[in-house]
Amino acid sequence: MGELKAMKLEATKETPEVTLDTEGNKFEISGRSFPLNAKGFYLPILDWLDSYAESPNTKTEFIFKLEYFNTPSSKSISDILKKMKEIKDGGNDVTVYWYYEEDDIDILDLGHVFARTVGMDFEFKEYID
């Protein structure tokens, strides 16, 4: 398989900024996620990660820095996290960084729920907007 091309999606009012870059070793989803069609928005991201999982970097650090996401988005986020767990279970070094604003207990709690659901420890990081 050839080199996996980086995927970069600019943030919109409804969708997060997405960077998936094997060469730069940068994997990040940040911003707000409530697209009308969450499944459609996240499908190319999940397809990209499927390809990445076939030959991942020795170390993958995936950053989630979401201010807000709706229920349909959370299903896709869960799918992304399951893919990270799969890569980790394949013997690779995977760390998920879950960022939350200092007062945003909801996003922090959701991160803990995702971590339990997927069965993977996350690094929780507080940031000031």
C-alpha atoms as a PDB file:
ATOM      1  CA  MET A   1       0.000   0.000   0.000  1.00  0.00           C
ATOM      2  CA  GLY A   2       1.296   3.463  -0.868  1.00  0.00           C
ATOM      3  CA  GLU A   3       1.827   6.299   1.577  1.00  0.00           C
ATOM      4  CA  LEU A   4      -1.441   7.290   3.197  1.00  0.00           C
ATOM      5  CA  LYS A   5      -2.172  10.888   2.256  1.00  0.00           C
ATOM      6  CA  ALA A   6      -2.878  13.274   5.094  1.00  0.00           C
ATOM      7  CA  MET A   7      -6.482  14.333   5.603  1.00  0.00           C
ATOM      8  CA  LYS A   8      -7.137  17.900   6.699  1.00  0.00           C
ATOM      9  CA  LEU A   9     -10.642  19.276   7.145  1.00  0.00           C
ATOM     10  CA  GLU A  10     -11.169  22.891   8.116  1.00  0.00           C
ATOM     11  CA  ALA A  11     -13.645  23.606  10.893  1.00  0.00           C
ATOM     12  CA  THR A  12     -17.073  24.969   9.996  1.00  0.00           C
ATOM     13  CA  LYS A  13     -19.871  26.177  12.261  1.00  0.00           C
ATOM     14  CA  GLU A  14     -21.167  22.589  12.506  1.00  0.00           C
ATOM     15  CA  THR A  15     -18.070  20.456  12.021  1.00  0.00           C
ATOM     16  CA  PRO A  16     -14.741  20.144  13.817  1.00  0.00           C
ATOM     17  CA  GLU A  17     -11.288  20.679  12.416  1.00  0.00           C
ATOM     18  CA  VAL A  18      -9.757  17.302  11.572  1.00  0.00           C
ATOM     19  CA  THR A  19      -6.095  16.506  11.000  1.00  0.00           C
ATOM     20  CA  LEU A  20      -4.993  12.969  10.202  1.00  0.00           C
ATOM     21  CA  ASP A  21      -1.359  12.958   9.180  1.00  0.00           C
ATOM     22  CA  THR A  22       0.866   9.883   9.449  1.00  0.00           C
ATOM     23  CA  GLU A  23       3.994  11.675   8.288  1.00  0.00           C
ATOM     24  CA  GLY A  24       3.658  14.572  10.736  1.00  0.00           C
ATOM     25  CA  ASN A  25       2.285  12.087  13.293  1.00  0.00           C
ATOM     26  CA  LYS A  26      -0.604  14.430  14.069  1.00  0.00           C
ATOM     27  CA  PHE A  27      -4.081  13.112  14.740  1.00  0.00           C
ATOM     28  CA  GLU A  28      -6.541  15.646  16.070  1.00  0.00           C
ATOM     29  CA  ILE A  29     -10.238  16.458  16.089  1.00  0.00           C
ATOM     30  CA  SER A  30     -11.090  19.816  17.626  1.00  0.00           C
ATOM     31  CA  GLY A  31     -13.958  22.245  17.816  1.00  0.00           C
ATOM     32  CA  ARG A  32     -17.683  21.630  17.635  1.00  0.00           C
ATOM     33  CA  SER A  33     -19.385  18.659  16.034  1.00  0.00           C
ATOM     34  CA  PHE A  34     -23.069  18.714  15.200  1.00  0.00           C
ATOM     35  CA  PRO A  35     -23.266  18.122  11.437  1.00  0.00           C
ATOM     36  CA  LEU A  36     -26.696  17.412   9.953  1.00  0.00           C
ATOM     37  CA  ASN A  37     -25.314  14.100   8.732  1.00  0.00           C
ATOM     38  CA  ALA A  38     -22.760  12.986  11.318  1.00  0.00           C
ATOM     39  CA  LYS A  39     -22.431   9.550   9.775  1.00  0.00           C
ATOM     40  CA  GLY A  40     -21.671  11.068   6.382  1.00  0.00           C
ATOM     41  CA  PHE A  41     -19.183  13.532   7.857  1.00  0.00           C
ATOM     42  CA  TYR A  42     -17.270  10.900   9.836  1.00  0.00           C
ATOM     43  CA  LEU A  43     -17.351   8.120   7.222  1.00  0.00           C
ATOM     44  CA  PRO A  44     -14.261   9.308   5.282  1.00  0.00           C
ATOM     45  CA  ILE A  45     -12.438   9.762   8.603  1.00  0.00           C
ATOM     46  CA  LEU A  46     -13.244   6.200   9.655  1.00  0.00           C
ATOM     47  CA  ASP A  47     -12.266   4.895   6.194  1.00  0.00           C
ATOM     48  CA  TRP A  48      -8.942   6.726   6.512  1.00  0.00           C
ATOM     49  CA  LEU A  49      -8.382   5.212   9.959  1.00  0.00           C
ATOM     50  CA  ASP A  50      -9.178   1.732   8.598  1.00  0.00           C
ATOM     51  CA  SER A  51      -6.354   2.184   6.098  1.00  0.00           C
ATOM     52  CA  TYR A  52      -4.097   3.627   8.788  1.00  0.00           C
ATOM     53  CA  ALA A  53      -4.770   0.645  11.075  1.00  0.00           C
ATOM     54  CA  GLU A  54      -3.292  -1.691   8.445  1.00  0.00           C
ATOM     55  CA  SER A  55       0.120  -0.113   8.979  1.00  0.00           C
ATOM     56  CA  PRO A  56       0.053   2.402  11.845  1.00  0.00           C
ATOM     57  CA  ASN A  57       2.941   4.471  13.158  1.00  0.00           C
ATOM     58  CA  THR A  58       4.779   2.857  16.074  1.00  0.00           C
ATOM     59  CA  LYS A  59       3.338   5.601  18.251  1.00  0.00           C
ATOM     60  CA  THR A  60      -0.063   7.231  17.719  1.00  0.00           C
ATOM     61  CA  GLU A  61      -1.246  10.157  19.803  1.00  0.00           C
ATOM     62  CA  PHE A  62      -4.841  11.073  19.060  1.00  0.00           C
ATOM     63  CA  ILE A  63      -6.052  14.419  20.399  1.00  0.00           C
ATOM     64  CA  PHE A  64      -9.709  15.171  21.021  1.00  0.00           C
ATOM     65  CA  LYS A  65     -10.328  18.807  21.838  1.00  0.00           C
ATOM     66  CA  LEU A  66     -14.077  19.076  21.426  1.00  0.00           C
ATOM     67  CA  GLU A  67     -16.086  21.919  22.898  1.00  0.00           C
ATOM     68  CA  TYR A  68     -19.401  20.351  22.007  1.00  0.00           C
ATOM     69  CA  PHE A  69     -20.762  17.387  20.080  1.00  0.00           C
ATOM     70  CA  ASN A  70     -24.239  15.986  19.521  1.00  0.00           C
ATOM     71  CA  THR A  71     -25.433  12.409  20.017  1.00  0.00           C
ATOM     72  CA  PRO A  72     -24.961  11.299  16.373  1.00  0.00           C
ATOM     73  CA  SER A  73     -21.387  12.663  16.518  1.00  0.00           C
ATOM     74  CA  SER A  74     -20.705  10.768  19.732  1.00  0.00           C
ATOM     75  CA  LYS A  75     -21.451   7.470  17.961  1.00  0.00           C
ATOM     76  CA  SER A  76     -18.798   8.278  15.348  1.00  0.00           C
ATOM     77  CA  ILE A  77     -16.350   9.475  18.002  1.00  0.00           C
ATOM     78  CA  SER A  78     -16.876   6.153  19.750  1.00  0.00           C
ATOM     79  CA  ASP A  79     -16.094   4.343  16.468  1.00  0.00           C
ATOM     80  CA  ILE A  80     -12.846   6.336  16.122  1.00  0.00           C
ATOM     81  CA  LEU A  81     -11.882   5.431  19.686  1.00  0.00           C
ATOM     82  CA  LYS A  82     -12.642   1.750  19.054  1.00  0.00           C
ATOM     83  CA  LYS A  83     -10.296   1.926  16.082  1.00  0.00           C
ATOM     84  CA  MET A  84      -7.558   3.376  18.334  1.00  0.00           C
ATOM     85  CA  LYS A  85      -8.127   0.524  20.803  1.00  0.00           C
ATOM     86  CA  GLU A  86      -7.845  -1.968  17.939  1.00  0.00           C
ATOM     87  CA  ILE A  87      -4.512  -0.441  16.874  1.00  0.00           C
ATOM     88  CA  LYS A  88      -3.324  -0.530  20.501  1.00  0.00           C
ATOM     89  CA  ASP A  89      -4.451  -4.155  20.894  1.00  0.00           C
ATOM     90  CA  GLY A  90      -2.371  -4.915  17.807  1.00  0.00           C
ATOM     91  CA  GLY A  91       0.711  -4.136  19.892  1.00  0.00           C
ATOM     92  CA  ASN A  92       1.146  -0.479  18.962  1.00  0.00           C
ATOM     93  CA  ASP A  93       1.683   2.468  21.266  1.00  0.00           C
ATOM     94  CA  VAL A  94      -1.543   4.506  21.261  1.00  0.00           C
ATOM     95  CA  THR A  95      -2.416   7.400  23.554  1.00  0.00           C
ATOM     96  CA  VAL A  96      -5.709   9.267  23.469  1.00  0.00           C
ATOM     97  CA  TYR A  97      -5.574  12.816  24.825  1.00  0.00           C
ATOM     98  CA  TRP A  98      -8.976  14.107  25.870  1.00  0.00           C
ATOM     99  CA  TYR A  99      -8.915  17.874  26.366  1.00  0.00           C
ATOM    100  CA  TYR A 100     -11.589  19.766  28.253  1.00  0.00           C
ATOM    101  CA  GLU A 101     -12.022  23.382  29.265  1.00  0.00           C
ATOM    102  CA  GLU A 102     -11.446  23.915  32.966  1.00  0.00           C
ATOM    103  CA  ASP A 103     -15.130  24.441  33.792  1.00  0.00           C
ATOM    104  CA  ASP A 104     -16.526  21.929  31.330  1.00  0.00           C
ATOM    105  CA  ILE A 105     -17.437  18.974  33.520  1.00  0.00           C
ATOM    106  CA  ASP A 106     -19.765  17.565  30.817  1.00  0.00           C
ATOM    107  CA  ILE A 107     -16.985  17.069  28.262  1.00  0.00           C
ATOM    108  CA  LEU A 108     -14.719  15.647  30.970  1.00  0.00           C
ATOM    109  CA  ASP A 109     -17.434  13.185  32.074  1.00  0.00           C
ATOM    110  CA  LEU A 110     -18.101  12.156  28.483  1.00  0.00           C
ATOM    111  CA  GLY A 111     -14.394  11.466  28.060  1.00  0.00           C
ATOM    112  CA  HIS A 112     -14.494   9.152  31.080  1.00  0.00           C
ATOM    113  CA  VAL A 113     -17.578   7.408  29.691  1.00  0.00           C
ATOM    114  CA  PHE A 114     -15.841   6.876  26.326  1.00  0.00           C
ATOM    115  CA  ALA A 115     -12.707   5.573  28.052  1.00  0.00           C
ATOM    116  CA  ARG A 116     -14.753   3.023  30.028  1.00  0.00           C
ATOM    117  CA  THR A 117     -16.864   2.025  27.025  1.00  0.00           C
ATOM    118  CA  VAL A 118     -13.859   1.486  24.777  1.00  0.00           C
ATOM    119  CA  GLY A 119     -11.805  -0.073  27.579  1.00  0.00           C
ATOM    120  CA  MET A 120      -8.810   2.208  27.223  1.00  0.00           C
ATOM    121  CA  ASP A 121      -7.116   4.726  29.510  1.00  0.00           C
ATOM    122  CA  PHE A 122      -7.093   8.309  28.243  1.00  0.00           C
ATOM    123  CA  GLU A 123      -4.845  11.183  29.228  1.00  0.00           C
ATOM    124  CA  PHE A 124      -7.145  13.956  30.432  1.00  0.00           C
ATOM    125  CA  LYS A 125      -5.839  17.483  29.903  1.00  0.00           C
ATOM    126  CA  GLU A 126      -7.374  20.718  31.039  1.00  0.00           C
ATOM    127  CA  TYR A 127      -6.987  23.797  28.879  1.00  0.00           C
ATOM    128  CA  ILE A 128      -7.989  27.395  29.150  1.00  0.00           C
ATOM    129  CA  ASP A 129      -9.770  28.715  26.096  1.00  0.00           C
END
